[in-house]
Amino acid sequence: MREILEAVAAGELSPAAAEAELAGYATGEAGRFDAARVQRSGVPEAVLAEGKTAAEVADLVATSVETTDRGIATRLEPDDVAAIRERLAEEAPDATIRWDERSRWLVAETPAFERPDLDAEVGVVTAGTSDAVPAGEAVMIAGEMGATVHRISDIGVASLARAIDRLDELRELDVLIVAAGREGALPTVIAGLVDVPVIGLPVSTGYGHAGEGEAALSGMIQSCTALTAVNVDAGFTAGAQAGLIARRIDAASDT
């Protein structure tokens, strides 16, 4: 503790970073940021922008960068991104920012950040182009957890030949996230054809009876194959689960 206090006194460590070291979290204007989550659970903390003002989102991302050298935010609007860029330009001008406009996630990193590098490969599969938004969120977080991520797009059951053509590739991967809307059939089909874990990601595409992902979720949790399913549009959760599996595979390969 004394070393941390001396570092703060010398100006080598900010109060927020010191709080994160001592308590596991840092307190900012917008609330507490869980700076120790990645060490505790393996999944990095991310700022969910929905329900927050742009200033609150920017404050939490800046606190994340200050305490962990990386900030992750999801479900962003353009105003949120502008506020983050403005805040980091002042407080972390050397940070690089990656912004995915379609999947609405942002990752900011300082040069000091070292991303994990896992010996494991995750496939993120989409049934159709409409499934790309939550799938992109899954790609981001699995990659930030250190997995090598492969995107395999547009192989839905409306033309099953598209999936059959990619089976050899799917079978080579360590874990699959399969995103589908409508009736959510693709994860069930894929899970019956491969011997790797499959995480079903129901997507809120479709219309009519049980639309907005309800039918897709029901189909996945009722699947007769060995399939795990997350909530509707829960790309972050699917990616995090795949990342945790990847961490275990990586650890096993080192033994």
Protein backbone atom coordinates (compact mmCIF):
# COMPACT_ATOMS: atom_id res chain seq x y z
CA MET A 1 0.00 0.00 0.00
CA ARG A 2 2.83 2.38 0.85
CA GLU A 3 4.29 2.04 -2.64
CA ILE A 4 0.93 3.01 -4.14
CA LEU A 5 0.62 6.04 -1.84
CA GLU A 6 4.15 7.14 -2.64
CA ALA A 7 3.42 6.81 -6.36
CA VAL A 8 0.35 9.05 -5.96
CA ALA A 9 2.38 11.59 -3.97
CA ALA A 10 5.06 11.61 -6.66
CA GLY A 11 2.50 12.13 -9.41
CA GLU A 12 3.29 8.75 -10.96
CA LEU A 13 -0.17 7.29 -10.26
CA SER A 14 -3.54 9.00 -10.38
CA PRO A 15 -5.95 8.79 -7.44
CA ALA A 16 -8.36 6.76 -9.58
CA ALA A 17 -5.66 4.29 -10.55
CA ALA A 18 -4.62 4.00 -6.91
CA GLU A 19 -8.21 3.36 -5.86
CA ALA A 20 -8.46 0.66 -8.52
CA GLU A 21 -5.30 -0.98 -7.20
CA LEU A 22 -6.50 -0.92 -3.60
CA ALA A 23 -10.26 -1.48 -3.89
CA GLY A 24 -10.67 -3.08 -7.31
CA TYR A 25 -12.84 -0.24 -8.56
CA ALA A 26 -12.45 3.44 -9.35
CA THR A 27 -15.01 6.13 -8.56
CA GLY A 28 -15.70 8.79 -11.16
CA GLU A 29 -18.38 11.38 -11.78
CA ALA A 30 -20.68 8.79 -13.41
CA GLY A 31 -20.25 6.03 -10.85
CA ARG A 32 -17.88 3.19 -10.00
CA PHE A 33 -15.90 1.38 -12.67
CA ASP A 34 -15.05 -2.28 -11.97
CA ALA A 35 -11.35 -2.15 -12.83
CA ALA A 36 -10.63 -5.62 -11.43
CA ARG A 37 -13.32 -7.49 -13.33
CA VAL A 38 -10.99 -9.01 -15.92
CA GLN A 39 -8.67 -10.35 -13.19
CA ARG A 40 -11.62 -11.65 -11.18
CA SER A 41 -13.79 -13.16 -13.92
CA GLY A 42 -11.73 -13.24 -17.10
CA VAL A 43 -14.17 -10.89 -18.86
CA PRO A 44 -13.23 -7.21 -19.16
CA GLU A 45 -15.64 -4.60 -17.86
CA ALA A 46 -17.52 -2.75 -20.60
CA VAL A 47 -19.61 0.39 -20.44
CA LEU A 48 -23.18 -0.15 -21.66
CA ALA A 49 -24.18 3.20 -23.14
CA GLU A 50 -27.94 2.59 -23.13
CA GLY A 51 -29.61 4.51 -20.32
CA LYS A 52 -26.62 6.81 -19.78
CA THR A 53 -25.91 10.33 -20.96
CA ALA A 54 -23.04 10.91 -23.37
CA ALA A 55 -21.09 12.63 -20.58
CA GLU A 56 -21.57 9.65 -18.26
CA VAL A 57 -20.43 7.21 -20.95
CA ALA A 58 -17.35 9.32 -21.67
CA ASP A 59 -16.50 9.58 -17.97
CA LEU A 60 -16.69 5.83 -17.44
CA VAL A 61 -14.64 5.07 -20.56
CA ALA A 62 -12.02 7.62 -19.50
CA THR A 63 -11.88 6.02 -16.03
CA SER A 64 -11.45 2.62 -17.66
CA VAL A 65 -8.58 3.84 -19.80
CA GLU A 66 -6.97 5.56 -16.83
CA THR A 67 -7.10 2.46 -14.62
CA THR A 68 -6.69 -0.44 -17.08
CA ASP A 69 -5.20 1.20 -20.22
CA ARG A 70 -8.29 0.06 -22.15
CA GLY A 71 -11.89 1.18 -22.42
CA ILE A 72 -14.73 -0.82 -23.99
CA ALA A 73 -18.21 0.58 -24.63
CA THR A 74 -21.25 -0.96 -26.30
CA ARG A 75 -24.63 0.13 -27.71
CA LEU A 76 -23.29 3.59 -28.48
CA GLU A 77 -24.95 6.49 -30.28
CA PRO A 78 -22.93 9.01 -32.33
CA ASP A 79 -23.16 11.59 -29.52
CA ASP A 80 -21.58 9.07 -27.13
CA VAL A 81 -18.69 8.47 -29.51
CA ALA A 82 -18.09 12.20 -29.95
CA ALA A 83 -18.04 12.71 -26.18
CA ILE A 84 -15.58 9.84 -25.70
CA ARG A 85 -13.26 11.20 -28.39
CA GLU A 86 -13.34 14.68 -26.86
CA ARG A 87 -12.69 13.39 -23.33
CA LEU A 88 -9.82 11.10 -24.34
CA ALA A 89 -8.23 13.79 -26.50
CA GLU A 90 -7.79 15.74 -23.27
CA GLU A 91 -6.93 12.97 -20.83
CA ALA A 92 -5.36 10.20 -22.93
CA PRO A 93 -4.22 11.76 -26.22
CA ASP A 94 -1.99 8.79 -27.03
CA ALA A 95 -4.92 6.33 -26.92
CA THR A 96 -6.07 4.72 -30.15
CA ILE A 97 -9.81 4.39 -30.75
CA ARG A 98 -11.62 1.75 -32.80
CA TRP A 99 -15.30 2.43 -33.49
CA ASP A 100 -17.62 0.01 -35.23
CA GLU A 101 -20.52 2.11 -36.46
CA ARG A 102 -22.75 -0.82 -37.36
CA SER A 103 -22.35 -2.92 -34.22
CA ARG A 104 -22.05 0.25 -32.12
CA TRP A 105 -19.03 -0.70 -30.03
CA LEU A 106 -15.86 1.24 -29.29
CA VAL A 107 -12.49 0.15 -27.93
CA ALA A 108 -9.86 2.62 -26.76
CA GLU A 109 -6.34 1.52 -25.82
CA THR A 110 -3.18 3.24 -24.66
CA PRO A 111 0.23 2.10 -25.93
CA ALA A 112 0.77 0.42 -22.55
CA PHE A 113 -2.09 -2.02 -23.01
CA GLU A 114 -1.19 -5.63 -23.85
CA ARG A 115 -4.08 -7.70 -25.19
CA PRO A 116 -4.08 -11.40 -24.22
CA ASP A 117 -3.10 -13.84 -26.96
CA LEU A 118 -4.90 -17.16 -26.57
CA ASP A 119 -4.15 -20.35 -28.46
CA ALA A 120 -7.82 -20.85 -29.33
CA GLU A 121 -10.06 -20.03 -32.26
CA VAL A 122 -13.65 -18.81 -32.12
CA GLY A 123 -16.03 -18.82 -35.06
CA VAL A 124 -18.80 -16.22 -35.22
CA VAL A 125 -21.39 -17.44 -37.71
CA THR A 126 -24.37 -15.53 -39.05
CA ALA A 127 -27.42 -16.91 -40.82
CA GLY A 128 -27.95 -13.69 -42.77
CA THR A 129 -26.74 -10.13 -43.18
CA SER A 130 -29.38 -8.88 -40.73
CA ASP A 131 -27.67 -10.81 -37.93
CA ALA A 132 -24.43 -8.86 -38.23
CA VAL A 133 -25.06 -6.30 -35.46
CA PRO A 134 -25.06 -8.55 -32.36
CA ALA A 135 -22.59 -10.87 -34.08
CA GLY A 136 -20.19 -7.93 -34.38
CA GLU A 137 -20.44 -7.33 -30.65
CA ALA A 138 -19.53 -10.99 -30.07
CA VAL A 139 -16.56 -10.70 -32.43
CA MET A 140 -15.27 -7.69 -30.53
CA ILE A 141 -15.35 -9.07 -27.00
CA ALA A 142 -14.05 -12.53 -27.91
CA GLY A 143 -11.16 -10.81 -29.68
CA GLU A 144 -10.52 -8.47 -26.76
CA MET A 145 -10.30 -11.53 -24.51
CA GLY A 146 -7.49 -12.82 -26.73
CA ALA A 147 -9.11 -15.41 -29.00
CA THR A 148 -8.50 -15.57 -32.73
CA VAL A 149 -11.91 -14.86 -34.25
CA HIS A 150 -13.19 -16.01 -37.64
CA ARG A 151 -16.35 -14.54 -39.15
CA ILE A 152 -18.43 -16.87 -41.31
CA SER A 153 -21.35 -15.01 -42.82
CA ASP A 154 -24.65 -15.67 -44.55
CA ILE A 155 -25.01 -19.46 -44.30
CA GLY A 156 -28.62 -19.65 -43.15
CA VAL A 157 -30.97 -22.58 -43.57
CA ALA A 158 -32.96 -20.99 -46.40
CA SER A 159 -30.22 -22.55 -48.52
CA LEU A 160 -28.53 -25.20 -46.41
CA ALA A 161 -25.93 -25.81 -49.11
CA ARG A 162 -24.24 -22.61 -47.92
CA ALA A 163 -23.66 -24.15 -44.49
CA ILE A 164 -22.59 -27.53 -45.84
CA ASP A 165 -19.95 -25.77 -47.93
CA ARG A 166 -18.36 -24.38 -44.73
CA LEU A 167 -18.58 -27.47 -42.52
CA ASP A 168 -14.91 -28.40 -42.76
CA GLU A 169 -13.97 -24.90 -41.64
CA LEU A 170 -16.50 -24.92 -38.80
CA ARG A 171 -15.23 -28.26 -37.50
CA GLU A 172 -11.67 -26.92 -37.21
CA LEU A 173 -12.62 -24.19 -34.74
CA ASP A 174 -12.67 -24.52 -30.94
CA VAL A 175 -16.05 -22.88 -30.20
CA LEU A 176 -18.80 -21.45 -32.37
CA ILE A 177 -21.24 -18.60 -31.85
CA VAL A 178 -24.12 -18.97 -34.29
CA ALA A 179 -26.43 -15.97 -34.72
CA ALA A 180 -29.85 -16.29 -36.31
CA GLY A 181 -33.17 -14.48 -36.33
CA ARG A 182 -36.57 -15.60 -37.63
CA GLU A 183 -37.13 -19.12 -36.26
CA GLY A 184 -33.49 -19.46 -35.12
CA ALA A 185 -32.86 -22.76 -36.89
CA LEU A 186 -29.21 -22.40 -37.90
CA PRO A 187 -27.59 -23.01 -34.46
CA THR A 188 -29.56 -26.25 -34.07
CA VAL A 189 -28.49 -27.45 -37.50
CA ILE A 190 -24.82 -26.55 -36.96
CA ALA A 191 -24.75 -28.12 -33.47
CA GLY A 192 -25.92 -31.38 -34.99
CA LEU A 193 -23.06 -31.42 -37.49
CA VAL A 194 -19.98 -30.41 -35.48
CA ASP A 195 -18.25 -31.72 -32.36
CA VAL A 196 -17.38 -28.32 -30.85
CA PRO A 197 -19.36 -26.20 -28.37
CA VAL A 198 -22.05 -24.09 -30.05
CA ILE A 199 -23.51 -20.94 -28.48
CA GLY A 200 -26.78 -19.87 -30.06
CA LEU A 201 -27.31 -16.12 -30.41
CA PRO A 202 -30.96 -15.28 -31.16
CA VAL A 203 -31.39 -12.05 -33.11
CA SER A 204 -34.36 -9.69 -33.13
CA THR A 205 -34.90 -9.89 -36.87
CA GLY A 206 -38.12 -11.15 -38.34
CA TYR A 207 -41.73 -10.08 -38.05
CA GLY A 208 -45.21 -11.44 -37.43
CA HIS A 209 -45.96 -14.08 -34.81
CA ALA A 210 -43.26 -14.23 -32.08
CA GLY A 211 -41.11 -11.74 -33.94
CA GLU A 212 -38.29 -9.60 -32.51
CA GLY A 213 -36.26 -12.64 -31.51
CA GLU A 214 -38.87 -14.48 -29.46
CA ALA A 215 -39.26 -17.34 -31.91
CA ALA A 216 -35.49 -17.58 -32.40
CA LEU A 217 -34.87 -17.76 -28.64
CA SER A 218 -37.64 -20.33 -28.14
CA GLY A 219 -36.28 -22.48 -30.94
CA MET A 220 -32.76 -22.43 -29.53
CA ILE A 221 -33.69 -23.28 -25.95
CA GLN A 222 -35.96 -26.07 -27.25
CA SER A 223 -33.23 -27.44 -29.54
CA CYS A 224 -32.82 -31.20 -29.61
CA THR A 225 -29.07 -30.77 -30.18
CA ALA A 226 -26.49 -29.98 -27.50
CA LEU A 227 -26.84 -26.22 -27.82
CA THR A 228 -26.38 -23.35 -25.38
CA ALA A 229 -28.34 -20.15 -25.96
CA VAL A 230 -28.00 -16.58 -24.69
CA ASN A 231 -30.65 -13.87 -24.58
CA VAL A 232 -31.96 -12.03 -27.64
CA ASP A 233 -29.29 -9.80 -29.23
CA ALA A 234 -26.88 -10.60 -26.36
CA GLY A 235 -23.78 -10.54 -28.54
CA PHE A 236 -21.54 -9.42 -25.69
CA THR A 237 -22.62 -12.35 -23.52
CA ALA A 238 -22.14 -14.85 -26.34
CA GLY A 239 -18.68 -13.47 -27.09
CA ALA A 240 -17.71 -13.47 -23.43
CA GLN A 241 -18.77 -17.10 -23.00
CA ALA A 242 -16.78 -18.07 -26.08
CA GLY A 243 -13.83 -16.11 -24.71
CA LEU A 244 -13.98 -17.98 -21.40
CA ILE A 245 -14.00 -21.31 -23.23
CA ALA A 246 -11.04 -20.08 -25.27
CA ARG A 247 -9.18 -19.21 -22.05
CA ARG A 248 -9.65 -22.76 -20.75
CA ILE A 249 -8.51 -24.26 -24.03
CA ASP A 250 -5.43 -22.05 -23.98
CA ALA A 251 -4.66 -23.00 -20.38
CA ALA A 252 -5.05 -26.70 -21.18
CA SER A 253 -2.66 -26.41 -24.12
CA ASP A 254 0.04 -25.08 -21.78
CA THR A 255 -0.12 -28.07 -19.41
